[in-house]
Structure formats: C-alpha cells, structure tokens
Amino acid sequence: MSWGVVNAGLYFLLQEKASLAEGAQRAQLLEYQSLCRDNLETALTNLPLLMPARKESIELLLLGVGTPCEILPKLHQHHSCATFRAVAMATN
C-alpha cells in the first residue's frame, strides 16, 4: 500500500510541476505523471476487500479520492468490491 501512496504523492507533485513548466520539460513531466497515475490505478485496483485499519490504507483511499475522474471508469471495469464503490461515491 505504501507503493500506492508514493505514486499518488508523485502524481500530485508532478501535476503541479508540469503546470509551471514549458516545452519539452512539461511533456516529460506529464509523461511521468501518466506513469504515476497508472501505478496509482493499479494500487487502487488491487486493494483487498477487507483492508487493515492502517495508516497507509487510509492515506491511499484519501489520495485515491483526489485522483482525476478519468481513472475511475477504468477501476470499475476491474474492481467490483466495496473499496471501489466507496471511492466512487466519495468523488461524486
């Protein structure tokens, strides 16, 4: 779960940096951001139904709620457990 938290943090950091960058640097940052988004999607997809009440679990769910809506439909295709429904309901 720490892997998902790290990728979510990097996703938001790269999003901010890319908004300030220009040209080739911006394109490179957006590419890295896309990679972190895909990794975050994987982390959210692989969450267990009955997650342990740990700091990393809560952080990952909270960071997952703040992710762009474009990954939520992808999650729905792969994940039908209560975790996805909780994240989806929180973003609506």
N, C-alpha and C. Protein backbone atom coordinates (compact mmCIF):
# COMPACT_ATOMS: atom_id res chain seq x y z
N MET A 1 0.82 -1.19 0.00
CA MET A 1 0.00 0.00 0.00
C MET A 1 0.86 1.25 0.00
N SER A 2 2.06 1.16 0.55
CA SER A 2 2.96 2.31 0.54
C SER A 2 3.30 2.70 -0.90
N TRP A 3 3.38 1.69 -1.77
CA TRP A 3 3.68 1.94 -3.18
C TRP A 3 2.61 2.84 -3.80
N GLY A 4 1.36 2.59 -3.47
CA GLY A 4 0.27 3.42 -3.97
C GLY A 4 0.32 4.83 -3.42
N VAL A 5 0.65 4.97 -2.14
CA VAL A 5 0.74 6.29 -1.51
C VAL A 5 1.87 7.10 -2.16
N VAL A 6 3.00 6.46 -2.40
CA VAL A 6 4.13 7.15 -3.04
C VAL A 6 3.75 7.60 -4.45
N ASN A 7 3.10 6.73 -5.21
CA ASN A 7 2.71 7.10 -6.57
C ASN A 7 1.66 8.21 -6.59
N ALA A 8 0.76 8.21 -5.63
CA ALA A 8 -0.23 9.28 -5.55
C ALA A 8 0.44 10.60 -5.23
N GLY A 9 1.37 10.57 -4.28
CA GLY A 9 2.10 11.79 -3.95
C GLY A 9 2.89 12.32 -5.13
N LEU A 10 3.58 11.42 -5.83
CA LEU A 10 4.32 11.83 -7.01
C LEU A 10 3.40 12.35 -8.10
N TYR A 11 2.23 11.74 -8.24
CA TYR A 11 1.27 12.20 -9.25
C TYR A 11 0.91 13.67 -9.03
N PHE A 12 0.57 14.01 -7.78
CA PHE A 12 0.17 15.38 -7.50
C PHE A 12 1.35 16.35 -7.57
N LEU A 13 2.53 15.91 -7.17
CA LEU A 13 3.73 16.74 -7.27
C LEU A 13 4.05 17.04 -8.73
N LEU A 14 4.02 16.00 -9.57
CA LEU A 14 4.30 16.18 -11.00
C LEU A 14 3.24 17.03 -11.68
N GLN A 15 2.00 16.92 -11.23
CA GLN A 15 0.93 17.75 -11.78
C GLN A 15 1.23 19.22 -11.54
N GLU A 16 1.65 19.54 -10.33
CA GLU A 16 1.97 20.93 -10.00
C GLU A 16 3.19 21.42 -10.78
N LYS A 17 4.24 20.60 -10.83
CA LYS A 17 5.45 20.99 -11.56
C LYS A 17 5.16 21.17 -13.05
N ALA A 18 4.34 20.30 -13.63
CA ALA A 18 4.03 20.39 -15.06
C ALA A 18 3.24 21.66 -15.38
N SER A 19 2.43 22.11 -14.44
CA SER A 19 1.65 23.33 -14.69
C SER A 19 2.55 24.56 -14.76
N LEU A 20 3.74 24.48 -14.17
CA LEU A 20 4.67 25.61 -14.19
C LEU A 20 5.73 25.49 -15.27
N ALA A 21 5.89 24.30 -15.85
CA ALA A 21 6.93 24.05 -16.84
C ALA A 21 6.43 24.36 -18.25
N GLU A 22 7.38 24.43 -19.17
CA GLU A 22 7.05 24.69 -20.57
C GLU A 22 7.86 23.77 -21.47
N GLY A 23 7.37 23.58 -22.68
CA GLY A 23 8.10 22.85 -23.71
C GLY A 23 8.36 21.38 -23.40
N ALA A 24 9.60 20.98 -23.70
CA ALA A 24 9.97 19.56 -23.56
C ALA A 24 9.94 19.11 -22.11
N GLN A 25 10.28 20.02 -21.19
CA GLN A 25 10.25 19.65 -19.78
C GLN A 25 8.82 19.34 -19.33
N ARG A 26 7.87 20.14 -19.81
CA ARG A 26 6.46 19.90 -19.48
C ARG A 26 6.00 18.54 -20.02
N ALA A 27 6.38 18.24 -21.25
CA ALA A 27 6.00 16.95 -21.85
C ALA A 27 6.58 15.79 -21.06
N GLN A 28 7.83 15.91 -20.61
CA GLN A 28 8.46 14.85 -19.83
C GLN A 28 7.75 14.69 -18.48
N LEU A 29 7.42 15.80 -17.82
CA LEU A 29 6.73 15.73 -16.53
C LEU A 29 5.35 15.10 -16.68
N LEU A 30 4.65 15.44 -17.76
CA LEU A 30 3.33 14.85 -18.00
C LEU A 30 3.42 13.35 -18.27
N GLU A 31 4.51 12.93 -18.91
CA GLU A 31 4.71 11.50 -19.15
C GLU A 31 4.93 10.77 -17.82
N TYR A 32 5.76 11.35 -16.96
CA TYR A 32 5.97 10.76 -15.63
C TYR A 32 4.68 10.76 -14.81
N GLN A 33 3.92 11.83 -14.95
CA GLN A 33 2.64 11.91 -14.22
C GLN A 33 1.70 10.81 -14.68
N SER A 34 1.66 10.56 -15.96
CA SER A 34 0.82 9.49 -16.50
C SER A 34 1.24 8.12 -15.96
N LEU A 35 2.53 7.90 -15.85
CA LEU A 35 3.04 6.65 -15.30
C LEU A 35 2.61 6.49 -13.83
N CYS A 36 2.72 7.57 -13.06
CA CYS A 36 2.29 7.52 -11.65
C CYS A 36 0.79 7.30 -11.55
N ARG A 37 0.01 7.89 -12.46
CA ARG A 37 -1.44 7.69 -12.46
C ARG A 37 -1.77 6.22 -12.72
N ASP A 38 -1.07 5.62 -13.68
CA ASP A 38 -1.30 4.20 -13.97
C ASP A 38 -0.93 3.32 -12.78
N ASN A 39 0.17 3.66 -12.12
CA ASN A 39 0.58 2.90 -10.93
C ASN A 39 -0.43 3.07 -9.80
N LEU A 40 -0.95 4.28 -9.64
CA LEU A 40 -1.97 4.53 -8.61
C LEU A 40 -3.23 3.74 -8.93
N GLU A 41 -3.60 3.71 -10.19
CA GLU A 41 -4.77 2.92 -10.61
C GLU A 41 -4.58 1.45 -10.26
N THR A 42 -3.38 0.94 -10.50
CA THR A 42 -3.08 -0.45 -10.17
C THR A 42 -3.17 -0.69 -8.67
N ALA A 43 -2.63 0.24 -7.90
CA ALA A 43 -2.68 0.11 -6.44
C ALA A 43 -4.12 0.11 -5.93
N LEU A 44 -4.95 0.99 -6.46
CA LEU A 44 -6.35 1.05 -6.04
C LEU A 44 -7.12 -0.19 -6.49
N THR A 45 -6.80 -0.69 -7.67
CA THR A 45 -7.47 -1.87 -8.19
C THR A 45 -7.17 -3.10 -7.35
N ASN A 46 -5.97 -3.17 -6.82
CA ASN A 46 -5.54 -4.36 -6.07
C ASN A 46 -5.78 -4.27 -4.57
N LEU A 47 -6.55 -3.30 -4.13
CA LEU A 47 -6.86 -3.21 -2.70
C LEU A 47 -7.72 -4.39 -2.28
N PRO A 48 -7.43 -4.95 -1.12
CA PRO A 48 -8.27 -6.06 -0.65
C PRO A 48 -9.63 -5.56 -0.17
N LEU A 49 -10.60 -6.42 -0.19
CA LEU A 49 -11.94 -6.06 0.23
C LEU A 49 -11.96 -5.66 1.70
N LEU A 50 -11.33 -6.43 2.54
CA LEU A 50 -11.26 -6.13 3.97
C LEU A 50 -9.85 -5.62 4.28
N MET A 51 -9.68 -4.33 4.15
CA MET A 51 -8.37 -3.73 4.36
C MET A 51 -8.07 -3.58 5.85
N PRO A 52 -6.81 -3.72 6.20
CA PRO A 52 -6.44 -3.48 7.60
C PRO A 52 -6.56 -1.99 7.91
N ALA A 53 -6.89 -1.68 9.15
CA ALA A 53 -7.01 -0.27 9.57
C ALA A 53 -5.61 0.24 9.88
N ARG A 54 -4.87 0.54 8.81
CA ARG A 54 -3.51 1.04 8.95
C ARG A 54 -3.42 2.41 8.32
N LYS A 55 -2.41 3.14 8.71
CA LYS A 55 -2.20 4.49 8.19
C LYS A 55 -2.11 4.50 6.66
N GLU A 56 -1.35 3.56 6.09
CA GLU A 56 -1.18 3.52 4.63
C GLU A 56 -2.50 3.26 3.90
N SER A 57 -3.34 2.43 4.48
CA SER A 57 -4.64 2.13 3.86
C SER A 57 -5.49 3.39 3.77
N ILE A 58 -5.54 4.12 4.86
CA ILE A 58 -6.35 5.34 4.91
C ILE A 58 -5.77 6.40 3.99
N GLU A 59 -4.43 6.54 3.99
CA GLU A 59 -3.79 7.51 3.10
C GLU A 59 -4.09 7.20 1.64
N LEU A 60 -3.97 5.94 1.28
CA LEU A 60 -4.21 5.55 -0.12
C LEU A 60 -5.65 5.83 -0.53
N LEU A 61 -6.61 5.52 0.32
CA LEU A 61 -8.01 5.80 0.00
C LEU A 61 -8.26 7.30 -0.13
N LEU A 62 -7.68 8.09 0.77
CA LEU A 62 -7.88 9.54 0.71
C LEU A 62 -7.22 10.13 -0.53
N LEU A 63 -6.03 9.67 -0.86
CA LEU A 63 -5.37 10.16 -2.06
C LEU A 63 -6.09 9.67 -3.32
N GLY A 64 -6.64 8.47 -3.26
CA GLY A 64 -7.40 7.94 -4.40
C GLY A 64 -8.65 8.75 -4.69
N VAL A 65 -9.25 9.30 -3.65
CA VAL A 65 -10.45 10.13 -3.83
C VAL A 65 -10.11 11.40 -4.60
N GLY A 66 -8.89 11.90 -4.43
CA GLY A 66 -8.49 13.14 -5.10
C GLY A 66 -7.96 12.96 -6.50
N THR A 67 -7.92 11.72 -6.99
CA THR A 67 -7.38 11.48 -8.33
C THR A 67 -8.40 11.90 -9.39
N PRO A 68 -7.94 12.10 -10.60
CA PRO A 68 -8.86 12.53 -11.66
C PRO A 68 -9.94 11.50 -11.93
N CYS A 69 -11.08 11.98 -12.34
CA CYS A 69 -12.22 11.10 -12.61
C CYS A 69 -11.98 10.18 -13.79
N GLU A 70 -10.97 10.45 -14.60
CA GLU A 70 -10.72 9.62 -15.78
C GLU A 70 -10.28 8.21 -15.42
N ILE A 71 -9.70 7.99 -14.23
CA ILE A 71 -9.29 6.63 -13.90
C ILE A 71 -10.40 5.85 -13.22
N LEU A 72 -11.42 6.51 -12.72
CA LEU A 72 -12.49 5.80 -12.02
C LEU A 72 -13.25 4.83 -12.92
N PRO A 73 -13.59 5.20 -14.17
CA PRO A 73 -14.24 4.21 -15.04
C PRO A 73 -13.36 2.99 -15.29
N LYS A 74 -12.03 3.18 -15.39
CA LYS A 74 -11.13 2.04 -15.58
C LYS A 74 -11.16 1.13 -14.36
N LEU A 75 -11.20 1.73 -13.18
CA LEU A 75 -11.25 0.94 -11.96
C LEU A 75 -12.52 0.11 -11.92
N HIS A 76 -13.62 0.68 -12.36
CA HIS A 76 -14.89 -0.01 -12.33
C HIS A 76 -14.87 -1.27 -13.18
N GLN A 77 -14.12 -1.23 -14.29
CA GLN A 77 -14.04 -2.39 -15.16
C GLN A 77 -13.31 -3.55 -14.48
N HIS A 78 -12.35 -3.23 -13.59
CA HIS A 78 -11.52 -4.26 -12.99
C HIS A 78 -11.88 -4.58 -11.55
N HIS A 79 -12.64 -3.74 -10.93
CA HIS A 79 -12.80 -3.84 -9.48
C HIS A 79 -14.28 -3.66 -9.12
N SER A 80 -14.85 -4.65 -8.51
CA SER A 80 -16.27 -4.55 -8.16
C SER A 80 -16.49 -4.62 -6.66
N CYS A 81 -15.44 -4.44 -5.89
CA CYS A 81 -15.59 -4.58 -4.44
C CYS A 81 -16.03 -3.28 -3.79
N ALA A 82 -16.26 -3.33 -2.52
CA ALA A 82 -16.76 -2.19 -1.76
C ALA A 82 -15.76 -1.04 -1.75
N THR A 83 -14.48 -1.33 -1.88
CA THR A 83 -13.48 -0.26 -1.88
C THR A 83 -13.71 0.68 -3.04
N PHE A 84 -13.91 0.12 -4.25
CA PHE A 84 -14.15 0.98 -5.40
C PHE A 84 -15.43 1.78 -5.21
N ARG A 85 -16.46 1.14 -4.74
CA ARG A 85 -17.73 1.85 -4.55
C ARG A 85 -17.57 2.99 -3.55
N ALA A 86 -16.78 2.79 -2.52
CA ALA A 86 -16.55 3.85 -1.52
C ALA A 86 -15.82 5.02 -2.15
N VAL A 87 -14.80 4.73 -2.95
CA VAL A 87 -14.04 5.80 -3.63
C VAL A 87 -14.94 6.51 -4.63
N ALA A 88 -15.69 5.76 -5.41
CA ALA A 88 -16.57 6.37 -6.41
C ALA A 88 -17.64 7.26 -5.78
N MET A 89 -18.21 6.79 -4.68
CA MET A 89 -19.24 7.59 -4.01
C MET A 89 -18.65 8.86 -3.42
N ALA A 90 -17.44 8.79 -2.94
CA ALA A 90 -16.80 9.96 -2.32
C ALA A 90 -16.46 11.03 -3.36
N THR A 91 -16.25 10.63 -4.62
CA THR A 91 -15.89 11.61 -5.64
C THR A 91 -17.12 12.22 -6.31
N ASN A 92 -18.28 11.68 -6.08
CA ASN A 92 -19.50 12.24 -6.70
C ASN A 92 -20.13 13.29 -5.85
